[in-house]
Amino acid sequence: MGTPLTSAPAVALLEPPGFLMLNFGLAAPVVSLTAHITYGAIVGGFTSLGP
């Protein structure tokens, strides 16, 4: 995604992700959601151990 001020060619090398990253395939939003839920569960587990 270059601009005239960068050294990237005029043709975009990377497609914009689009709505819910669907331009990267259906697995991208599913993996992202799964990673967010897993991270939240881990952080929530550690915070529940507090005093």
Protein backbone atom coordinates (compact mmCIF):
# COMPACT_ATOMS: atom_id res chain seq x y z
CA MET A 1 0.00 0.00 0.00
CA GLY A 2 2.54 2.51 -1.15
CA THR A 3 2.22 6.23 -1.72
CA PRO A 4 4.14 8.41 -4.15
CA LEU A 5 6.47 9.32 -1.25
CA THR A 6 7.49 5.70 -0.54
CA SER A 7 9.69 3.35 -2.49
CA ALA A 8 6.84 0.87 -3.02
CA PRO A 9 5.76 0.32 -6.61
CA ALA A 10 2.51 1.77 -7.91
CA VAL A 11 0.80 -1.60 -7.67
CA ALA A 12 -0.31 -2.50 -4.14
CA LEU A 13 1.75 -5.34 -2.71
CA LEU A 14 -0.71 -6.06 0.07
CA GLU A 15 -4.46 -5.92 -0.25
CA PRO A 16 -6.34 -3.92 2.40
CA PRO A 17 -7.93 -6.30 4.94
CA GLY A 18 -11.52 -5.18 4.33
CA PHE A 19 -14.49 -5.76 6.60
CA LEU A 20 -13.60 -8.29 9.34
CA MET A 21 -10.38 -9.10 7.40
CA LEU A 22 -12.44 -11.14 4.93
CA ASN A 23 -10.09 -10.24 2.06
CA PHE A 24 -7.54 -12.52 3.74
CA GLY A 25 -9.94 -15.47 3.71
CA LEU A 26 -12.60 -16.80 6.05
CA ALA A 27 -10.04 -18.24 8.46
CA ALA A 28 -8.62 -14.79 9.33
CA PRO A 29 -11.59 -13.51 11.39
CA VAL A 30 -12.12 -16.95 12.94
CA VAL A 31 -8.48 -17.19 14.07
CA SER A 32 -8.55 -13.57 15.29
CA LEU A 33 -11.69 -14.15 17.34
CA THR A 34 -10.30 -17.39 18.78
CA ALA A 35 -7.04 -15.66 19.72
CA HIS A 36 -8.92 -12.81 21.42
CA ILE A 37 -11.07 -15.22 23.43
CA THR A 38 -8.04 -17.28 24.46
CA TYR A 39 -6.09 -14.19 25.49
CA GLY A 40 -9.06 -12.90 27.48
CA ALA A 41 -9.44 -16.23 29.24
CA ILE A 42 -5.76 -16.31 30.19
CA VAL A 43 -5.74 -12.72 31.47
CA GLY A 44 -9.04 -13.29 33.28
CA GLY A 45 -7.64 -16.41 34.90
CA PHE A 46 -4.60 -14.53 36.19
CA THR A 47 -6.66 -11.61 37.48
CA SER A 48 -8.97 -13.92 39.38
CA LEU A 49 -5.95 -15.19 41.37
CA GLY A 50 -5.36 -11.74 42.90
CA PRO A 51 -5.97 -10.91 46.56
